[in-house]
Amino acid sequence: MAKVAYLGLGVMGYPMAGHLKNKGGHAVTVYNRTTAKAEKWAKEFGGTFAATPAEAAKDADFVFACVGNDDDLRSVTLGENGAFSTMKKGGFFIDNTTASAAIARELGEAAQKAGFKFMDAPVSGGQAGAENGVLTVMVGADENDFNTAKPVIEAFARSVGLMGPVGAGQLAKMVNQICIAGLVQGLAEGIHFGKKAGLDISKLIEVISKGAAGSWQMENRHKTMDQGEYNHGFAVDWMRKDLSICLDEANRNGAMLPVTALVDQFYKEVQKLGGGRWDTSSLLARLEQ
């Protein structure tokens, strides 16, 4: 059993911290900007909560974080009462936030100077994956550090992979989001076309999902898309944040992302429809206007 802290109890962090406590069997202290949510978590899972990131991280063997963006991450690490001020020598800070590779490298350097380990470890699998403890985790870290931390991370994951040095986890998550964006747009257009052509969408998907067109998105989202239900997963607002990170990185490394850039603008149109909190499959709603 390790002493663990978790910073950020959103739709992902809340259940992830719970798995670290119940499945992992660790002593877990949580921090959340809204204290009431931290209190609720402590009552539900039997852990403890702290008033600041620094208090939560003090003496912890492993400190996890899952917050909104680069600025939020700097706040809970380097800001006033940030976790980095109390991280113990040799401890591990594992960041599950989807953020930029640049902030990962920045925090990695700060951790190295202070004598503890830093790993960028963004996740994929959405709220359902977090709740069921079956997330995919893409890690940027030293190999020895990865091997030490992997058994702890596995409390909330089905797959944990080392992508390379610090920053590589975030780059891998960018690839993940790039691939998803194109898949969802293709599925939205396919369903839209099928409806206009008078096809039975359920029968259609039953057949084509078994062939080369099949995907997780098709299997898990076609029914709700067909019914116009968009409250089943990762929000459009967050997807646009992620795609912005992808496009910024592409500008730096020279990658061409024409489809990603286009789908990002389609999501912008969904936001204008009032769908910022709809899930990413809501690209279909734009086509049906």
C-alpha atoms as a PDB file:
ATOM      1  CA  MET A   1       0.000   0.000   0.000  1.00  0.00           C
ATOM      2  CA  ALA A   2       1.292   3.445  -0.946  1.00  0.00           C
ATOM      3  CA  LYS A   3       0.418   6.915   0.247  1.00  0.00           C
ATOM      4  CA  VAL A   4      -1.347   8.558  -2.706  1.00  0.00           C
ATOM      5  CA  ALA A   5      -2.785  11.999  -3.421  1.00  0.00           C
ATOM      6  CA  TYR A   6      -5.184  12.941  -6.205  1.00  0.00           C
ATOM      7  CA  LEU A   7      -5.645  16.539  -7.350  1.00  0.00           C
ATOM      8  CA  GLY A   8      -8.804  17.329  -9.318  1.00  0.00           C
ATOM      9  CA  LEU A   9     -12.092  15.502  -8.919  1.00  0.00           C
ATOM     10  CA  GLY A  10     -13.886  16.128 -12.193  1.00  0.00           C
ATOM     11  CA  VAL A  11     -15.791  13.483 -14.142  1.00  0.00           C
ATOM     12  CA  MET A  12     -12.492  11.629 -14.668  1.00  0.00           C
ATOM     13  CA  GLY A  13     -10.528  12.271 -11.501  1.00  0.00           C
ATOM     14  CA  TYR A  14     -13.351  11.454  -9.088  1.00  0.00           C
ATOM     15  CA  PRO A  15     -13.705   7.785 -10.091  1.00  0.00           C
ATOM     16  CA  MET A  16      -9.985   7.392 -10.824  1.00  0.00           C
ATOM     17  CA  ALA A  17      -9.143   8.413  -7.274  1.00  0.00           C
ATOM     18  CA  GLY A  18     -11.805   5.980  -6.079  1.00  0.00           C
ATOM     19  CA  HIS A  19     -10.144   3.089  -7.908  1.00  0.00           C
ATOM     20  CA  LEU A  20      -6.789   3.996  -6.365  1.00  0.00           C
ATOM     21  CA  LYS A  21      -8.439   3.715  -2.941  1.00  0.00           C
ATOM     22  CA  ASN A  22     -10.660   0.662  -3.400  1.00  0.00           C
ATOM     23  CA  LYS A  23      -9.032  -1.426  -6.129  1.00  0.00           C
ATOM     24  CA  GLY A  24      -5.462  -0.309  -5.498  1.00  0.00           C
ATOM     25  CA  GLY A  25      -5.835  -0.448  -1.730  1.00  0.00           C
ATOM     26  CA  HIS A  26      -3.855   2.752  -1.228  1.00  0.00           C
ATOM     27  CA  ALA A  27      -4.235   5.447   1.403  1.00  0.00           C
ATOM     28  CA  VAL A  28      -5.647   8.288  -0.703  1.00  0.00           C
ATOM     29  CA  THR A  29      -5.944  11.985   0.069  1.00  0.00           C
ATOM     30  CA  VAL A  30      -7.775  14.164  -2.455  1.00  0.00           C
ATOM     31  CA  TYR A  31      -7.843  17.838  -3.272  1.00  0.00           C
ATOM     32  CA  ASN A  32     -10.445  19.669  -5.324  1.00  0.00           C
ATOM     33  CA  ARG A  33     -10.927  23.379  -5.962  1.00  0.00           C
ATOM     34  CA  THR A  34     -14.497  22.967  -4.694  1.00  0.00           C
ATOM     35  CA  THR A  35     -14.013  21.551  -1.211  1.00  0.00           C
ATOM     36  CA  ALA A  36     -17.550  20.154  -1.003  1.00  0.00           C
ATOM     37  CA  LYS A  37     -16.733  17.680  -3.764  1.00  0.00           C
ATOM     38  CA  ALA A  38     -13.590  16.540  -1.952  1.00  0.00           C
ATOM     39  CA  GLU A  39     -15.647  16.041   1.210  1.00  0.00           C
ATOM     40  CA  LYS A  40     -18.186  14.010  -0.759  1.00  0.00           C
ATOM     41  CA  TRP A  41     -15.432  11.821  -2.220  1.00  0.00           C
ATOM     42  CA  ALA A  42     -13.917  11.200   1.209  1.00  0.00           C
ATOM     43  CA  LYS A  43     -17.274  10.105   2.606  1.00  0.00           C
ATOM     44  CA  GLU A  44     -17.978   7.851  -0.381  1.00  0.00           C
ATOM     45  CA  PHE A  45     -14.608   6.131  -0.584  1.00  0.00           C
ATOM     46  CA  GLY A  46     -13.294   6.393   2.963  1.00  0.00           C
ATOM     47  CA  GLY A  47     -10.245   8.488   2.158  1.00  0.00           C
ATOM     48  CA  THR A  48      -9.277  11.942   3.356  1.00  0.00           C
ATOM     49  CA  PHE A  49      -9.262  15.380   1.756  1.00  0.00           C
ATOM     50  CA  ALA A  50      -6.912  18.341   1.954  1.00  0.00           C
ATOM     51  CA  ALA A  51      -7.444  22.082   1.706  1.00  0.00           C
ATOM     52  CA  THR A  52      -4.571  22.704  -0.742  1.00  0.00           C
ATOM     53  CA  PRO A  53      -2.538  20.735  -3.312  1.00  0.00           C
ATOM     54  CA  ALA A  54       0.528  21.207  -1.117  1.00  0.00           C
ATOM     55  CA  GLU A  55      -1.222  19.662   1.873  1.00  0.00           C
ATOM     56  CA  ALA A  56      -2.491  16.733  -0.198  1.00  0.00           C
ATOM     57  CA  ALA A  57       0.941  16.037  -1.703  1.00  0.00           C
ATOM     58  CA  LYS A  58       2.935  16.216   1.528  1.00  0.00           C
ATOM     59  CA  ASP A  59       4.731  12.918   2.199  1.00  0.00           C
ATOM     60  CA  ALA A  60       2.838  11.158  -0.622  1.00  0.00           C
ATOM     61  CA  ASP A  61       4.610   8.446  -2.602  1.00  0.00           C
ATOM     62  CA  PHE A  62       2.485   9.110  -5.699  1.00  0.00           C
ATOM     63  CA  VAL A  63       0.611  12.303  -6.536  1.00  0.00           C
ATOM     64  CA  PHE A  64      -1.855  12.232  -9.437  1.00  0.00           C
ATOM     65  CA  ALA A  65      -3.545  15.195 -11.093  1.00  0.00           C
ATOM     66  CA  CYS A  66      -6.351  15.594 -13.608  1.00  0.00           C
ATOM     67  CA  VAL A  67      -7.325  19.219 -14.163  1.00  0.00           C
ATOM     68  CA  GLY A  68      -8.551  21.344 -17.046  1.00  0.00           C
ATOM     69  CA  ASN A  69      -5.610  22.766 -18.966  1.00  0.00           C
ATOM     70  CA  ASP A  70      -2.008  24.005 -18.820  1.00  0.00           C
ATOM     71  CA  ASP A  71      -2.861  26.974 -16.608  1.00  0.00           C
ATOM     72  CA  ASP A  72      -4.816  24.826 -14.161  1.00  0.00           C
ATOM     73  CA  LEU A  73      -1.905  22.412 -14.053  1.00  0.00           C
ATOM     74  CA  ARG A  74       0.595  25.171 -13.283  1.00  0.00           C
ATOM     75  CA  SER A  75      -1.724  26.379 -10.525  1.00  0.00           C
ATOM     76  CA  VAL A  76      -1.877  23.045  -8.690  1.00  0.00           C
ATOM     77  CA  THR A  77       1.841  22.352  -9.134  1.00  0.00           C
ATOM     78  CA  LEU A  78       3.829  25.590  -9.178  1.00  0.00           C
ATOM     79  CA  GLY A  79       1.271  28.063  -7.834  1.00  0.00           C
ATOM     80  CA  GLU A  80       0.790  29.256  -4.288  1.00  0.00           C
ATOM     81  CA  ASN A  81       0.301  26.167  -2.123  1.00  0.00           C
ATOM     82  CA  GLY A  82       1.126  24.030  -5.181  1.00  0.00           C
ATOM     83  CA  ALA A  83       1.997  20.361  -4.863  1.00  0.00           C
ATOM     84  CA  PHE A  84       5.590  20.789  -6.023  1.00  0.00           C
ATOM     85  CA  SER A  85       6.382  22.764  -2.847  1.00  0.00           C
ATOM     86  CA  THR A  86       5.853  19.681  -0.661  1.00  0.00           C
ATOM     87  CA  MET A  87       6.680  16.745  -2.949  1.00  0.00           C
ATOM     88  CA  LYS A  88       9.054  14.415  -1.149  1.00  0.00           C
ATOM     89  CA  LYS A  89      12.411  13.406  -2.611  1.00  0.00           C
ATOM     90  CA  GLY A  90      12.015  10.365  -4.829  1.00  0.00           C
ATOM     91  CA  GLY A  91       8.236  10.714  -5.006  1.00  0.00           C
ATOM     92  CA  PHE A  92       6.214  10.506  -8.226  1.00  0.00           C
ATOM     93  CA  PHE A  93       3.982  13.173  -9.744  1.00  0.00           C
ATOM     94  CA  ILE A  94       1.765  11.585 -12.407  1.00  0.00           C
ATOM     95  CA  ASP A  95      -0.262  13.981 -14.531  1.00  0.00           C
ATOM     96  CA  ASN A  96      -3.433  12.572 -16.118  1.00  0.00           C
ATOM     97  CA  THR A  97      -4.475  15.936 -17.567  1.00  0.00           C
ATOM     98  CA  THR A  98      -4.688  16.280 -21.341  1.00  0.00           C
ATOM     99  CA  ALA A  99      -2.307  19.199 -21.738  1.00  0.00           C
ATOM    100  CA  SER A 100       0.525  20.359 -23.972  1.00  0.00           C
ATOM    101  CA  ALA A 101       3.818  18.555 -24.347  1.00  0.00           C
ATOM    102  CA  ALA A 102       5.498  21.852 -23.481  1.00  0.00           C
ATOM    103  CA  ILE A 103       3.973  22.014 -19.990  1.00  0.00           C
ATOM    104  CA  ALA A 104       4.917  18.373 -19.422  1.00  0.00           C
ATOM    105  CA  ARG A 105       8.546  19.127 -20.214  1.00  0.00           C
ATOM    106  CA  GLU A 106       8.457  22.295 -18.084  1.00  0.00           C
ATOM    107  CA  LEU A 107       7.145  20.412 -15.077  1.00  0.00           C
ATOM    108  CA  GLY A 108       9.488  17.516 -15.739  1.00  0.00           C
ATOM    109  CA  GLU A 109      12.480  19.837 -15.511  1.00  0.00           C
ATOM    110  CA  ALA A 110      11.149  21.433 -12.328  1.00  0.00           C
ATOM    111  CA  ALA A 111      10.616  18.009 -10.756  1.00  0.00           C
ATOM    112  CA  GLN A 112      14.102  16.842 -11.690  1.00  0.00           C
ATOM    113  CA  LYS A 113      15.674  19.911 -10.080  1.00  0.00           C
ATOM    114  CA  ALA A 114      13.634  19.330  -6.924  1.00  0.00           C
ATOM    115  CA  GLY A 115      14.561  15.644  -6.679  1.00  0.00           C
ATOM    116  CA  PHE A 116      11.313  13.865  -7.520  1.00  0.00           C
ATOM    117  CA  LYS A 117       9.864  12.128 -10.602  1.00  0.00           C
ATOM    118  CA  PHE A 118       7.403  13.519 -13.127  1.00  0.00           C
ATOM    119  CA  MET A 119       5.353  11.542 -15.640  1.00  0.00           C
ATOM    120  CA  ASP A 120       2.823  12.859 -18.164  1.00  0.00           C
ATOM    121  CA  ALA A 121       0.126  10.197 -18.369  1.00  0.00           C
ATOM    122  CA  PRO A 122      -3.001  11.433 -20.200  1.00  0.00           C
ATOM    123  CA  VAL A 123      -5.875   8.987 -20.479  1.00  0.00           C
ATOM    124  CA  SER A 124      -8.406   7.877 -23.067  1.00  0.00           C
ATOM    125  CA  GLY A 125     -11.704   6.120 -22.521  1.00  0.00           C
ATOM    126  CA  GLY A 126     -13.970   8.888 -21.317  1.00  0.00           C
ATOM    127  CA  GLN A 127     -16.146   9.065 -18.249  1.00  0.00           C
ATOM    128  CA  ALA A 128     -17.345   5.475 -18.662  1.00  0.00           C
ATOM    129  CA  GLY A 129     -13.768   4.237 -18.876  1.00  0.00           C
ATOM    130  CA  ALA A 130     -12.860   6.136 -15.722  1.00  0.00           C
ATOM    131  CA  GLU A 131     -15.871   4.845 -13.817  1.00  0.00           C
ATOM    132  CA  ASN A 132     -15.220   1.254 -14.892  1.00  0.00           C
ATOM    133  CA  GLY A 133     -11.471   1.441 -14.344  1.00  0.00           C
ATOM    134  CA  VAL A 134     -10.609   0.512 -17.938  1.00  0.00           C
ATOM    135  CA  LEU A 135      -8.821   3.602 -19.230  1.00  0.00           C
ATOM    136  CA  THR A 136      -5.946   3.622 -21.699  1.00  0.00           C
ATOM    137  CA  VAL A 137      -2.958   5.533 -20.316  1.00  0.00           C
ATOM    138  CA  MET A 138      -0.197   6.957 -22.528  1.00  0.00           C
ATOM    139  CA  VAL A 139       2.912   7.709 -20.495  1.00  0.00           C
ATOM    140  CA  GLY A 140       5.927   9.922 -21.014  1.00  0.00           C
ATOM    141  CA  ALA A 141       8.622   9.007 -18.505  1.00  0.00           C
ATOM    142  CA  ASP A 142      11.961   7.411 -17.773  1.00  0.00           C
ATOM    143  CA  GLU A 143      11.608   3.647 -18.265  1.00  0.00           C
ATOM    144  CA  ASN A 144      12.599   2.759 -14.707  1.00  0.00           C
ATOM    145  CA  ASP A 145      10.170   5.318 -13.307  1.00  0.00           C
ATOM    146  CA  PHE A 146       7.443   3.918 -15.564  1.00  0.00           C
ATOM    147  CA  ASN A 147       8.028   0.376 -14.318  1.00  0.00           C
ATOM    148  CA  THR A 148       7.770   1.536 -10.714  1.00  0.00           C
ATOM    149  CA  ALA A 149       4.576   3.527 -11.223  1.00  0.00           C
ATOM    150  CA  LYS A 150       2.761   1.214 -13.642  1.00  0.00           C
ATOM    151  CA  PRO A 151       1.276  -1.135 -10.993  1.00  0.00           C
ATOM    152  CA  VAL A 152      -0.231   1.877  -9.213  1.00  0.00           C
ATOM    153  CA  ILE A 153      -1.664   3.370 -12.411  1.00  0.00           C
ATOM    154  CA  GLU A 154      -3.229   0.018 -13.306  1.00  0.00           C
ATOM    155  CA  ALA A 155      -5.800   0.503 -10.539  1.00  0.00           C
ATOM    156  CA  PHE A 156      -7.847   2.578 -13.007  1.00  0.00           C
ATOM    157  CA  ALA A 157      -6.532   1.326 -16.351  1.00  0.00           C
ATOM    158  CA  ARG A 158      -6.867  -1.549 -18.792  1.00  0.00           C
ATOM    159  CA  SER A 159      -3.812  -0.558 -20.808  1.00  0.00           C
ATOM    160  CA  VAL A 160      -0.753   1.421 -19.695  1.00  0.00           C
ATOM    161  CA  GLY A 161       1.970   2.076 -22.267  1.00  0.00           C
ATOM    162  CA  LEU A 162       5.294   3.912 -22.230  1.00  0.00           C
ATOM    163  CA  MET A 163       5.437   6.228 -25.246  1.00  0.00           C
ATOM    164  CA  GLY A 164       8.875   7.731 -24.644  1.00  0.00           C
ATOM    165  CA  PRO A 165      10.436  10.432 -22.448  1.00  0.00           C
ATOM    166  CA  VAL A 166       8.495  13.143 -20.634  1.00  0.00           C
ATOM    167  CA  GLY A 167       6.176  14.856 -23.114  1.00  0.00           C
ATOM    168  CA  ALA A 168       5.646  11.748 -25.238  1.00  0.00           C
ATOM    169  CA  GLY A 169       2.481  10.821 -23.374  1.00  0.00           C
ATOM    170  CA  GLN A 170       0.861  14.101 -24.337  1.00  0.00           C
ATOM    171  CA  LEU A 171       1.996  13.715 -27.945  1.00  0.00           C
ATOM    172  CA  ALA A 172       0.432  10.248 -28.046  1.00  0.00           C
ATOM    173  CA  LYS A 173      -2.829  11.630 -26.658  1.00  0.00           C
ATOM    174  CA  MET A 174      -2.819  14.196 -29.457  1.00  0.00           C
ATOM    175  CA  VAL A 175      -2.632  11.383 -32.002  1.00  0.00           C
ATOM    176  CA  ASN A 176      -5.536   9.703 -30.202  1.00  0.00           C
ATOM    177  CA  GLN A 177      -7.696  12.832 -30.469  1.00  0.00           C
ATOM    178  CA  ILE A 178      -6.732  13.429 -34.106  1.00  0.00           C
ATOM    179  CA  CYS A 179      -7.880   9.907 -34.982  1.00  0.00           C
ATOM    180  CA  ILE A 180     -11.133  10.218 -33.037  1.00  0.00           C
ATOM    181  CA  ALA A 181     -12.054  13.532 -34.681  1.00  0.00           C
ATOM    182  CA  GLY A 182     -11.894  12.075 -38.184  1.00  0.00           C
ATOM    183  CA  LEU A 183     -13.726   8.894 -37.176  1.00  0.00           C
ATOM    184  CA  VAL A 184     -16.640  10.727 -35.581  1.00  0.00           C
ATOM    185  CA  GLN A 185     -17.042  13.070 -38.536  1.00  0.00           C
ATOM    186  CA  GLY A 186     -17.057  10.116 -40.927  1.00  0.00           C
ATOM    187  CA  LEU A 187     -19.636   8.296 -38.817  1.00  0.00           C
ATOM    188  CA  ALA A 188     -21.818  11.423 -38.598  1.00  0.00           C
ATOM    189  CA  GLU A 189     -21.736  11.843 -42.372  1.00  0.00           C
ATOM    190  CA  GLY A 190     -22.457   8.159 -42.922  1.00  0.00           C
ATOM    191  CA  ILE A 191     -25.504   8.162 -40.654  1.00  0.00           C
ATOM    192  CA  HIS A 192     -26.694  11.434 -42.154  1.00  0.00           C
ATOM    193  CA  PHE A 193     -26.363  10.027 -45.665  1.00  0.00           C
ATOM    194  CA  GLY A 194     -28.070   6.791 -44.648  1.00  0.00           C
ATOM    195  CA  LYS A 195     -31.053   8.668 -43.253  1.00  0.00           C
ATOM    196  CA  LYS A 196     -31.379  10.809 -46.371  1.00  0.00           C
ATOM    197  CA  ALA A 197     -31.218   7.645 -48.476  1.00  0.00           C
ATOM    198  CA  GLY A 198     -34.054   6.055 -46.496  1.00  0.00           C
ATOM    199  CA  LEU A 199     -31.957   3.252 -44.953  1.00  0.00           C
ATOM    200  CA  ASP A 200     -32.700   1.612 -41.615  1.00  0.00           C
ATOM    201  CA  ILE A 201     -29.728   2.835 -39.563  1.00  0.00           C
ATOM    202  CA  SER A 202     -29.789  -0.054 -37.077  1.00  0.00           C
ATOM    203  CA  LYS A 203     -29.753  -2.660 -39.857  1.00  0.00           C
ATOM    204  CA  LEU A 204     -27.134  -0.679 -41.738  1.00  0.00           C
ATOM    205  CA  ILE A 205     -24.735  -0.466 -38.779  1.00  0.00           C
ATOM    206  CA  GLU A 206     -25.303  -4.105 -37.860  1.00  0.00           C
ATOM    207  CA  VAL A 207     -23.849  -5.062 -41.225  1.00  0.00           C
ATOM    208  CA  ILE A 208     -21.116  -2.504 -41.874  1.00  0.00           C
ATOM    209  CA  SER A 209     -19.769  -2.509 -38.310  1.00  0.00           C
ATOM    210  CA  LYS A 210     -18.509  -6.050 -38.923  1.00  0.00           C
ATOM    211  CA  GLY A 211     -16.405  -4.917 -41.859  1.00  0.00           C
ATOM    212  CA  ALA A 212     -13.650  -2.411 -42.556  1.00  0.00           C
ATOM    213  CA  ALA A 213     -15.844   0.544 -41.545  1.00  0.00           C
ATOM    214  CA  GLY A 214     -16.255  -0.728 -37.992  1.00  0.00           C
ATOM    215  CA  SER A 215     -14.944   1.257 -35.018  1.00  0.00           C
ATOM    216  CA  TRP A 216     -15.514   1.787 -31.307  1.00  0.00           C
ATOM    217  CA  GLN A 217     -17.385   4.970 -32.149  1.00  0.00           C
ATOM    218  CA  MET A 218     -19.693   3.109 -34.519  1.00  0.00           C
ATOM    219  CA  GLU A 219     -20.406   0.311 -32.053  1.00  0.00           C
ATOM    220  CA  ASN A 220     -20.989   2.568 -29.064  1.00  0.00           C
ATOM    221  CA  ARG A 221     -22.451   5.776 -30.477  1.00  0.00           C
ATOM    222  CA  HIS A 222     -24.545   4.994 -33.562  1.00  0.00           C
ATOM    223  CA  LYS A 223     -27.780   4.345 -31.635  1.00  0.00           C
ATOM    224  CA  THR A 224     -27.656   7.527 -29.591  1.00  0.00           C
ATOM    225  CA  MET A 225     -26.593   9.558 -32.632  1.00  0.00           C
ATOM    226  CA  ASP A 226     -29.544   8.175 -34.588  1.00  0.00           C
ATOM    227  CA  GLN A 227     -31.837   9.190 -31.702  1.00  0.00           C
ATOM    228  CA  GLY A 228     -30.295  12.651 -31.341  1.00  0.00           C
ATOM    229  CA  GLU A 229     -29.017  11.957 -27.808  1.00  0.00           C
ATOM    230  CA  TYR A 230     -25.706  13.612 -27.045  1.00  0.00           C
ATOM    231  CA  ASN A 231     -25.140  13.248 -23.313  1.00  0.00           C
ATOM    232  CA  HIS A 232     -23.064  10.090 -23.339  1.00  0.00           C
ATOM    233  CA  GLY A 233     -19.446  11.094 -23.137  1.00  0.00           C
ATOM    234  CA  PHE A 234     -16.638  13.564 -23.714  1.00  0.00           C
ATOM    235  CA  ALA A 235     -17.919  17.118 -24.172  1.00  0.00           C
ATOM    236  CA  VAL A 236     -17.433  19.203 -27.306  1.00  0.00           C
ATOM    237  CA  ASP A 237     -15.871  22.028 -25.249  1.00  0.00           C
ATOM    238  CA  TRP A 238     -13.159  19.667 -24.044  1.00  0.00           C
ATOM    239  CA  MET A 239     -12.623  18.190 -27.491  1.00  0.00           C
ATOM    240  CA  ARG A 240     -12.036  21.649 -28.916  1.00  0.00           C
ATOM    241  CA  LYS A 241      -9.502  22.276 -26.155  1.00  0.00           C
ATOM    242  CA  ASP A 242      -7.713  19.062 -27.108  1.00  0.00           C
ATOM    243  CA  LEU A 243      -7.802  19.765 -30.834  1.00  0.00           C
ATOM    244  CA  SER A 244      -6.385  23.216 -30.194  1.00  0.00           C
ATOM    245  CA  ILE A 245      -3.431  21.547 -28.468  1.00  0.00           C
ATOM    246  CA  CYS A 246      -3.027  19.220 -31.465  1.00  0.00           C
ATOM    247  CA  LEU A 247      -3.111  22.072 -33.979  1.00  0.00           C
ATOM    248  CA  ASP A 248      -0.676  24.182 -31.957  1.00  0.00           C
ATOM    249  CA  GLU A 249       1.775  21.278 -31.786  1.00  0.00           C
ATOM    250  CA  ALA A 250       1.376  20.671 -35.532  1.00  0.00           C
ATOM    251  CA  ASN A 251       2.304  24.284 -36.172  1.00  0.00           C
ATOM    252  CA  ARG A 252       5.499  23.670 -34.223  1.00  0.00           C
ATOM    253  CA  ASN A 253       6.505  20.333 -35.745  1.00  0.00           C
ATOM    254  CA  GLY A 254       5.305  20.947 -39.311  1.00  0.00           C
ATOM    255  CA  ALA A 255       2.649  18.213 -39.406  1.00  0.00           C
ATOM    256  CA  MET A 256      -0.277  18.722 -41.801  1.00  0.00           C
ATOM    257  CA  LEU A 257      -3.679  18.213 -40.169  1.00  0.00           C
ATOM    258  CA  PRO A 258      -6.275  19.416 -42.697  1.00  0.00           C
ATOM    259  CA  VAL A 259      -9.061  17.073 -41.534  1.00  0.00           C
ATOM    260  CA  THR A 260      -8.443  17.840 -37.868  1.00  0.00           C
ATOM    261  CA  ALA A 261      -8.557  21.574 -38.549  1.00  0.00           C
ATOM    262  CA  LEU A 262     -11.813  21.182 -40.459  1.00  0.00           C
ATOM    263  CA  VAL A 263     -13.480  19.020 -37.807  1.00  0.00           C
ATOM    264  CA  ASP A 264     -12.411  21.526 -35.159  1.00  0.00           C
ATOM    265  CA  GLN A 265     -14.400  24.177 -37.046  1.00  0.00           C
ATOM    266  CA  PHE A 266     -17.377  21.814 -37.258  1.00  0.00           C
ATOM    267  CA  TYR A 267     -17.235  21.464 -33.468  1.00  0.00           C
ATOM    268  CA  LYS A 268     -17.171  25.257 -33.262  1.00  0.00           C
ATOM    269  CA  GLU A 269     -20.467  25.239 -35.165  1.00  0.00           C
ATOM    270  CA  VAL A 270     -21.876  22.697 -32.693  1.00  0.00           C
ATOM    271  CA  GLN A 271     -20.933  25.065 -29.871  1.00  0.00           C
ATOM    272  CA  LYS A 272     -22.894  27.816 -31.642  1.00  0.00           C
ATOM    273  CA  LEU A 273     -25.913  25.485 -31.596  1.00  0.00           C
ATOM    274  CA  GLY A 274     -25.617  25.410 -27.802  1.00  0.00           C
ATOM    275  CA  GLY A 275     -23.891  22.035 -27.804  1.00  0.00           C
ATOM    276  CA  GLY A 276     -20.728  22.819 -25.885  1.00  0.00           C
ATOM    277  CA  ARG A 277     -21.594  20.190 -23.280  1.00  0.00           C
ATOM    278  CA  TRP A 278     -22.932  17.664 -25.781  1.00  0.00           C
ATOM    279  CA  ASP A 279     -20.681  14.686 -26.415  1.00  0.00           C
ATOM    280  CA  THR A 280     -18.412  14.533 -29.444  1.00  0.00           C
ATOM    281  CA  SER A 281     -20.849  12.444 -31.488  1.00  0.00           C
ATOM    282  CA  SER A 282     -22.997  15.592 -31.798  1.00  0.00           C
ATOM    283  CA  LEU A 283     -21.285  16.380 -35.099  1.00  0.00           C
ATOM    284  CA  LEU A 284     -24.399  14.767 -36.575  1.00  0.00           C
ATOM    285  CA  ALA A 285     -26.554  17.548 -35.100  1.00  0.00           C
ATOM    286  CA  ARG A 286     -24.692  20.061 -37.245  1.00  0.00           C
ATOM    287  CA  LEU A 287     -25.505  18.097 -40.410  1.00  0.00           C
ATOM    288  CA  GLU A 288     -29.176  17.827 -39.504  1.00  0.00           C
ATOM    289  CA  GLN A 289     -29.761  21.565 -39.182  1.00  0.00           C
END
